[in-house]
Amino acid sequence: MIFEKTLTTLAAAAAIAAAAAVSVVAAAFALFALLSPHLGPAGSAAVVAAVAAVIVGVAGLLAARKAEEKARPAAPDGFALAERAIEMVKERPILTIGAALAAGVIAFRNPALAAIVAKALADSQRPPSR
């Protein structure tokens, strides 16, 4: 149940990240097309790059400021992995998408390794037998 919900959350985050990426590319192209008649292709590309750099810089400053202020309480051991995964999806969707893509590539290239990792995760979720 938790695993399915985590996968659903990851899929939703992937869809949101893909939509955001398409929106950013479309906005950059629209800005380029708007400025191109006035500044030429090189000038328009420079302005688009500068706008992107400013946006990334502001986002980085906000993220760094937020990271300094936030103190993370320790999660209970039983739900630590699932809670950390869901928290990561909420806080860092692009990083989560990158990790999911990397895991997908690794799983595609080496299915045996993916099966071993899945078994280890499943075994870690079970309570110890007495």
Protein backbone atom coordinates (compact mmCIF):
# COMPACT_ATOMS: atom_id res chain seq x y z
CA MET A 1 0.00 0.00 0.00
CA ILE A 2 2.70 2.49 0.97
CA PHE A 3 4.85 1.38 -1.97
CA GLU A 4 1.95 1.88 -4.42
CA LYS A 5 1.21 5.31 -2.98
CA THR A 6 4.88 6.24 -3.25
CA LEU A 7 4.95 5.12 -6.89
CA THR A 8 1.77 7.07 -7.60
CA THR A 9 3.29 10.15 -5.97
CA LEU A 10 6.48 9.72 -8.01
CA ALA A 11 4.45 9.38 -11.21
CA ALA A 12 2.49 12.53 -10.37
CA ALA A 13 5.72 14.38 -9.60
CA ALA A 14 7.19 13.21 -12.91
CA ALA A 15 4.15 14.49 -14.78
CA ILE A 16 4.32 17.84 -12.99
CA ALA A 17 8.05 18.15 -13.66
CA ALA A 18 7.54 17.31 -17.35
CA ALA A 19 4.79 19.91 -17.64
CA ALA A 20 6.98 22.49 -15.90
CA ALA A 21 9.88 21.73 -18.24
CA VAL A 22 7.67 22.13 -21.32
CA SER A 23 6.33 25.41 -19.94
CA VAL A 24 9.81 26.76 -19.28
CA VAL A 25 11.00 25.86 -22.78
CA ALA A 26 7.89 27.42 -24.33
CA ALA A 27 8.32 30.61 -22.28
CA ALA A 28 12.00 30.84 -23.24
CA PHE A 29 11.17 30.41 -26.91
CA ALA A 30 8.39 33.00 -26.70
CA LEU A 31 10.78 35.50 -25.11
CA PHE A 32 13.37 34.73 -27.80
CA ALA A 33 10.80 35.21 -30.58
CA LEU A 34 9.59 38.46 -29.02
CA LEU A 35 13.08 39.95 -28.75
CA SER A 36 14.57 38.54 -31.95
CA PRO A 37 13.34 41.29 -34.34
CA HIS A 38 14.73 44.00 -32.05
CA LEU A 39 18.01 42.49 -30.80
CA GLY A 40 18.80 39.83 -33.37
CA PRO A 41 19.30 36.13 -32.63
CA ALA A 42 22.47 36.52 -30.54
CA GLY A 43 21.07 39.33 -28.42
CA SER A 44 17.81 37.50 -27.88
CA ALA A 45 19.64 34.35 -26.82
CA ALA A 46 21.73 36.39 -24.38
CA VAL A 47 18.64 37.95 -22.80
CA VAL A 48 16.93 34.54 -22.51
CA ALA A 49 20.06 33.11 -20.85
CA ALA A 50 20.27 36.07 -18.47
CA VAL A 51 16.61 35.73 -17.48
CA ALA A 52 17.09 32.00 -16.87
CA ALA A 53 20.21 32.69 -14.78
CA VAL A 54 18.36 35.23 -12.65
CA ILE A 55 15.46 32.83 -12.06
CA VAL A 56 17.81 29.98 -11.12
CA GLY A 57 19.80 32.29 -8.82
CA VAL A 58 16.70 33.53 -7.01
CA ALA A 59 15.38 29.97 -6.64
CA GLY A 60 18.75 28.84 -5.29
CA LEU A 61 18.86 31.65 -2.74
CA LEU A 62 15.33 30.88 -1.59
CA ALA A 63 16.12 27.17 -1.30
CA ALA A 64 19.31 27.85 0.66
CA ARG A 65 17.49 30.19 3.01
CA LYS A 66 14.71 27.66 3.53
CA ALA A 67 17.22 24.86 4.19
CA GLU A 68 18.95 26.90 6.90
CA GLU A 69 15.71 27.69 8.71
CA LYS A 70 14.24 24.21 8.59
CA ALA A 71 15.20 21.68 11.25
CA ARG A 72 14.16 18.12 10.43
CA PRO A 73 12.84 15.93 13.24
CA ALA A 74 13.81 12.27 13.15
CA ALA A 75 11.17 9.94 11.70
CA PRO A 76 10.18 6.64 13.32
CA ASP A 77 12.21 3.68 12.04
CA GLY A 78 9.27 1.75 10.56
CA PHE A 79 8.16 4.51 8.22
CA ALA A 80 11.45 6.35 7.73
CA LEU A 81 12.02 5.29 4.10
CA ALA A 82 8.50 6.00 2.89
CA GLU A 83 8.29 9.31 4.73
CA ARG A 84 11.66 10.43 3.41
CA ALA A 85 10.64 9.48 -0.14
CA ILE A 86 7.36 11.38 0.06
CA GLU A 87 9.08 14.37 1.68
CA MET A 88 11.71 14.39 -1.06
CA VAL A 89 9.02 14.33 -3.76
CA LYS A 90 7.29 17.30 -2.14
CA GLU A 91 10.43 19.35 -1.51
CA ARG A 92 12.61 18.47 -4.52
CA PRO A 93 10.51 17.19 -7.42
CA ILE A 94 13.21 17.69 -10.07
CA LEU A 95 15.84 15.85 -8.01
CA THR A 96 13.31 13.07 -7.46
CA ILE A 97 12.65 12.85 -11.20
CA GLY A 98 16.39 12.60 -11.86
CA ALA A 99 16.77 9.86 -9.25
CA ALA A 100 13.78 7.98 -10.67
CA LEU A 101 15.20 8.21 -14.20
CA ALA A 102 18.61 7.01 -12.99
CA ALA A 103 16.98 4.11 -11.15
CA GLY A 104 14.98 3.28 -14.28
CA VAL A 105 18.11 3.24 -16.45
CA ILE A 106 19.92 1.03 -13.93
CA ALA A 107 16.92 -1.31 -13.70
CA PHE A 108 16.67 -1.48 -17.50
CA ARG A 109 20.36 -2.29 -17.92
CA ASN A 110 20.60 -4.73 -14.99
CA PRO A 111 17.26 -6.28 -13.98
CA ALA A 112 18.95 -8.66 -11.53
CA LEU A 113 20.31 -5.74 -9.52
CA ALA A 114 16.87 -4.11 -9.51
CA ALA A 115 15.35 -7.35 -8.19
CA ILE A 116 17.95 -7.55 -5.41
CA VAL A 117 17.28 -3.94 -4.36
CA ALA A 118 13.49 -4.47 -4.44
CA LYS A 119 13.84 -7.61 -2.31
CA ALA A 120 16.06 -5.78 0.18
CA LEU A 121 13.53 -2.94 0.44
CA ALA A 122 10.66 -5.39 0.89
CA ASP A 123 12.58 -7.31 3.58
CA SER A 124 13.43 -4.10 5.43
CA GLN A 125 9.71 -3.22 5.68
CA ARG A 126 8.77 -6.51 7.33
CA PRO A 127 8.85 -6.76 11.12
CA PRO A 128 11.52 -9.15 12.40
CA SER A 129 10.26 -12.71 12.98
CA ARG A 130 10.63 -14.25 16.44
